Amino acid sequence: MYNLDLMIQNINKIDRILKESFEKVEIHENAQRSNFYFDVTCQKTVTTENGGTKTYQIKSKILKESINRPNIEWLYASNPDNEKLGWIDRTSTIESFSGDLLDVIYKNRLDESYIRSIKEVFQPINEGAFTDSNPSLLDKLGDIISSCIEVTSIDSQKEVVASPINESLVRKTTIHFNTQDQIPFAKAFELEGKLKDLEGVEYVAFSGKKISVHLD
C-alpha cells in the first residue's frame, strides 16, 4: 500500500524543484502492464557556443512504488522523439532528480541523432538600437553583409572621440554585425571594399565572428 499523503507531498516537491530549472514541466500518472509510473516531461532551453539556443525535451518515468523511498528509481528516453530506441535506468533522491535530468542534457547523454535534430535558434536582429542612425544605411550594410555570410545579431556602440581635424569632441557610432562563422580573408577583403563605398562608412574592421562598421 502507498502512503498517499506522502506520495502527493513528494510529487509536489519534485514538481516545484523541476520548475526552478525547466521552462515547462508536465507530470501524469501512467501504467504499463503491472508497472505504475509517474510520467515526467520537461523542456529546457540552453545557450549554445554560437550564441544561439537549443530547446531540449526530456521524457522520464518515475517508478511509483519508489516515490516514498529515500532513493527514487526512474528511467529516461534516450530519444524523446522515438521512445522505441530505449530507456536508461537511473536512481536519484527527490532533491537531486532535477539536477540529474539537467545532467542528461549538459553531458550529452541523449541519443546523438536526437541532439543533431534539435534546431539551433538565433534571436532576430534588433534594429531598435539604431533609431537615431541612418536607417537606410543600416539596411544597406545588412544587405551587403548578409549576402556574404549569415548574420546572427547586430549591436551598436557609441563613443566620444577627438576629431583629427580640429581636436573637437565628436560622437562616433560603430555597428557590430555578429556572424555565424568567421569570414574568410578573401571574402573579407571584397566585403570591405563594398562597405567602404557606402556614404557614411569610415572604415571596417574584422575580428573573429564580428564585423565592425565605423561610421563617420
Protein backbone atom coordinates (compact mmCIF):
# COMPACT_ATOMS: atom_id res chain seq x y z
CA MET A 1 0.00 0.00 0.00
CA TYR A 2 1.13 3.52 -0.82
CA ASN A 3 1.16 6.31 1.74
CA LEU A 4 -0.97 8.60 -0.41
CA ASP A 5 -0.36 11.77 1.57
CA LEU A 6 3.41 11.31 1.44
CA MET A 7 3.24 10.43 -2.26
CA ILE A 8 1.36 13.65 -3.06
CA GLN A 9 3.80 15.63 -0.97
CA ASN A 10 6.81 14.12 -2.77
CA ILE A 11 5.34 14.60 -6.26
CA ASN A 12 4.53 18.22 -5.48
CA LYS A 13 8.07 18.69 -4.21
CA ILE A 14 9.53 17.20 -7.40
CA ASP A 15 7.27 19.41 -9.50
CA ARG A 16 8.32 22.53 -7.59
CA ILE A 17 12.05 21.78 -7.86
CA LEU A 18 11.80 20.96 -11.57
CA LYS A 19 10.06 24.25 -12.32
CA GLU A 20 13.04 26.10 -10.87
CA SER A 21 15.24 24.78 -13.71
CA PHE A 22 12.91 23.89 -16.60
CA GLU A 23 10.60 26.15 -18.62
CA LYS A 24 7.90 23.51 -18.95
CA VAL A 25 7.07 20.58 -16.67
CA GLU A 26 4.27 18.00 -17.03
CA ILE A 27 3.64 15.11 -14.62
CA HIS A 28 0.99 12.42 -15.20
CA GLU A 29 0.21 9.02 -13.74
CA ASN A 30 0.55 6.10 -16.14
CA ALA A 31 0.71 2.31 -16.16
CA GLN A 32 2.33 -0.31 -18.37
CA ARG A 33 1.12 -3.81 -17.59
CA SER A 34 1.77 -4.24 -13.87
CA ASN A 35 4.16 -1.29 -13.62
CA PHE A 36 2.87 2.05 -12.38
CA TYR A 37 4.75 5.25 -13.19
CA PHE A 38 4.70 9.00 -12.99
CA ASP A 39 5.44 10.25 -16.49
CA VAL A 40 7.57 13.40 -16.26
CA THR A 41 8.18 15.52 -19.36
CA CYS A 42 10.43 18.59 -19.12
CA GLN A 43 11.60 21.23 -21.56
CA LYS A 44 14.86 23.15 -21.26
CA THR A 45 16.35 25.85 -23.49
CA VAL A 46 20.13 26.17 -23.37
CA THR A 47 22.52 28.67 -24.93
CA THR A 48 24.97 27.27 -27.47
CA GLU A 49 28.60 28.19 -28.07
CA ASN A 50 27.49 30.11 -31.18
CA GLY A 51 25.24 32.39 -29.14
CA GLY A 52 22.03 30.69 -30.27
CA THR A 53 19.68 28.49 -28.28
CA LYS A 54 18.53 24.88 -28.45
CA THR A 55 15.41 23.55 -26.75
CA TYR A 56 15.66 20.02 -25.34
CA GLN A 57 12.84 17.76 -24.25
CA ILE A 58 13.39 15.10 -21.59
CA LYS A 59 10.90 12.27 -21.12
CA SER A 60 11.26 10.27 -17.91
CA LYS A 61 9.31 7.80 -15.80
CA ILE A 62 9.47 7.58 -12.01
CA LEU A 63 8.57 4.17 -10.64
CA LYS A 64 5.53 4.83 -8.46
CA GLU A 65 6.46 2.31 -5.78
CA SER A 66 9.78 4.10 -5.21
CA ILE A 67 8.37 7.62 -4.81
CA ASN A 68 8.28 7.38 -1.00
CA ARG A 69 11.73 5.84 -0.66
CA PRO A 70 14.97 7.73 0.05
CA ASN A 71 16.11 6.95 -3.49
CA ILE A 72 13.63 7.06 -6.38
CA GLU A 73 14.03 4.78 -9.40
CA TRP A 74 13.44 6.35 -12.79
CA LEU A 75 14.15 5.98 -16.48
CA TYR A 76 14.58 8.46 -19.32
CA ALA A 77 14.09 8.02 -23.05
CA SER A 78 17.39 8.19 -24.92
CA ASN A 79 15.45 9.78 -27.81
CA PRO A 80 12.26 11.61 -26.78
CA ASP A 81 11.09 11.61 -30.41
CA ASN A 82 11.46 7.84 -30.70
CA GLU A 83 10.93 6.09 -27.37
CA LYS A 84 11.43 2.67 -29.00
CA LEU A 85 15.18 3.35 -29.11
CA GLY A 86 15.33 2.58 -25.43
CA TRP A 87 15.18 3.84 -21.85
CA ILE A 88 18.07 4.42 -19.47
CA ASP A 89 17.78 3.44 -15.79
CA ARG A 90 18.79 5.99 -13.14
CA THR A 91 18.49 6.46 -9.38
CA SER A 92 18.22 9.80 -7.57
CA THR A 93 16.96 11.40 -4.43
CA ILE A 94 13.94 13.68 -4.72
CA GLU A 95 16.23 16.68 -4.23
CA SER A 96 18.77 15.58 -6.88
CA PHE A 97 16.27 14.40 -9.53
CA SER A 98 16.09 17.78 -11.28
CA GLY A 99 19.87 18.15 -11.37
CA ASP A 100 20.27 14.64 -12.71
CA LEU A 101 17.84 15.46 -15.55
CA LEU A 102 19.90 18.55 -16.37
CA ASP A 103 22.98 16.35 -16.32
CA VAL A 104 21.44 14.29 -19.13
CA ILE A 105 21.26 17.45 -21.26
CA TYR A 106 24.54 19.15 -20.38
CA LYS A 107 26.63 15.96 -20.66
CA ASN A 108 25.00 14.91 -23.94
CA ARG A 109 23.59 11.68 -22.55
CA LEU A 110 20.81 11.65 -25.15
CA ASP A 111 20.85 9.83 -28.47
CA GLU A 112 23.16 11.58 -30.96
CA SER A 113 20.53 11.63 -33.69
CA TYR A 114 18.13 13.47 -31.38
CA ILE A 115 20.77 16.03 -30.41
CA ARG A 116 21.58 16.65 -34.09
CA SER A 117 17.88 17.08 -34.88
CA ILE A 118 17.43 19.99 -32.45
CA LYS A 119 17.37 23.21 -34.43
CA GLU A 120 19.63 26.00 -33.25
CA VAL A 121 17.70 29.26 -32.99
CA PHE A 122 19.17 32.74 -33.12
CA GLN A 123 17.47 35.86 -31.84
CA PRO A 124 16.11 38.09 -34.60
CA ILE A 125 18.19 41.10 -35.43
CA ASN A 126 17.15 44.00 -33.22
CA GLU A 127 17.28 47.28 -35.08
CA GLY A 128 15.69 49.26 -32.25
CA ALA A 129 19.10 50.42 -31.08
CA PHE A 130 19.60 52.39 -34.30
CA THR A 131 16.66 54.79 -34.14
CA ASP A 132 18.99 57.78 -34.36
CA SER A 133 21.20 56.27 -37.05
CA ASN A 134 20.56 56.39 -40.76
CA PRO A 135 18.01 53.56 -41.26
CA SER A 136 18.68 53.32 -44.99
CA LEU A 137 22.42 52.95 -44.35
CA LEU A 138 21.74 50.20 -41.81
CA ASP A 139 19.61 48.36 -44.37
CA LYS A 140 22.33 48.66 -46.99
CA LEU A 141 25.01 47.42 -44.60
CA GLY A 142 22.83 44.49 -43.58
CA ASP A 143 22.02 43.55 -47.17
CA ILE A 144 25.65 43.59 -48.27
CA ILE A 145 26.96 41.61 -45.28
CA SER A 146 24.06 39.11 -45.31
CA SER A 147 24.76 38.36 -48.99
CA CYS A 148 28.22 37.12 -47.99
CA ILE A 149 27.69 35.49 -44.60
CA GLU A 150 24.87 34.72 -42.15
CA VAL A 151 24.33 37.45 -39.57
CA THR A 152 23.08 36.29 -36.16
CA SER A 153 22.72 39.62 -34.34
CA ILE A 154 23.53 43.32 -34.51
CA ASP A 155 24.54 45.74 -31.78
CA SER A 156 25.87 49.28 -31.74
CA GLN A 157 28.42 51.21 -29.76
CA LYS A 158 28.74 54.96 -29.38
CA GLU A 159 31.79 56.77 -28.10
CA VAL A 160 33.10 60.30 -27.93
CA VAL A 161 36.45 60.83 -29.68
CA ALA A 162 38.65 63.77 -30.62
CA SER A 163 38.32 64.92 -34.21
CA PRO A 164 41.62 64.53 -36.11
CA ILE A 165 40.86 67.82 -37.89
CA ASN A 166 40.35 70.31 -35.07
CA GLU A 167 40.55 68.10 -31.94
CA SER A 168 36.95 68.92 -31.05
CA LEU A 169 34.95 66.15 -29.42
CA VAL A 170 32.62 64.24 -31.75
CA ARG A 171 30.31 61.30 -31.20
CA LYS A 172 31.09 58.24 -33.31
CA THR A 173 28.88 55.20 -33.92
CA THR A 174 30.13 51.68 -34.59
CA ILE A 175 27.75 48.95 -35.74
CA HIS A 176 28.81 45.39 -34.93
CA PHE A 177 27.48 42.54 -37.08
CA ASN A 178 27.90 39.20 -35.30
CA THR A 179 28.12 36.32 -37.79
CA GLN A 180 27.50 32.60 -37.77
CA ASP A 181 31.04 31.82 -38.95
CA GLN A 182 34.34 33.59 -39.29
CA ILE A 183 34.54 35.25 -42.68
CA PRO A 184 37.42 34.06 -44.95
CA PHE A 185 40.17 36.57 -45.66
CA ALA A 186 39.49 36.84 -49.39
CA LYS A 187 35.79 37.44 -48.83
CA ALA A 188 36.55 39.94 -46.07
CA PHE A 189 38.75 41.94 -48.44
CA GLU A 190 35.97 42.03 -51.05
CA LEU A 191 33.32 42.86 -48.45
CA GLU A 192 35.40 45.70 -47.00
CA GLY A 193 35.56 47.36 -50.42
CA LYS A 194 31.80 47.20 -50.89
CA LEU A 195 31.07 48.59 -47.43
CA LYS A 196 33.56 51.46 -47.69
CA ASP A 197 31.92 52.54 -50.95
CA LEU A 198 28.80 53.44 -48.97
CA GLU A 199 28.42 57.06 -47.96
CA GLY A 200 28.72 57.38 -44.19
CA VAL A 201 31.16 54.49 -43.65
CA GLU A 202 34.58 55.49 -42.31
CA TYR A 203 36.28 52.12 -42.05
CA VAL A 204 35.57 48.42 -41.44
CA ALA A 205 37.26 46.01 -39.01
CA PHE A 206 37.09 42.20 -38.83
CA SER A 207 37.63 40.23 -35.62
CA GLY A 208 36.69 36.55 -35.38
CA LYS A 209 32.95 36.28 -35.93
CA LYS A 210 32.37 40.02 -35.77
CA ILE A 211 32.34 42.70 -38.47
CA SER A 212 32.57 46.23 -37.07
CA VAL A 213 31.49 49.09 -39.31
CA HIS A 214 32.67 52.50 -38.07
CA LEU A 215 30.53 55.39 -39.28
CA ASP A 216 31.85 58.88 -39.95
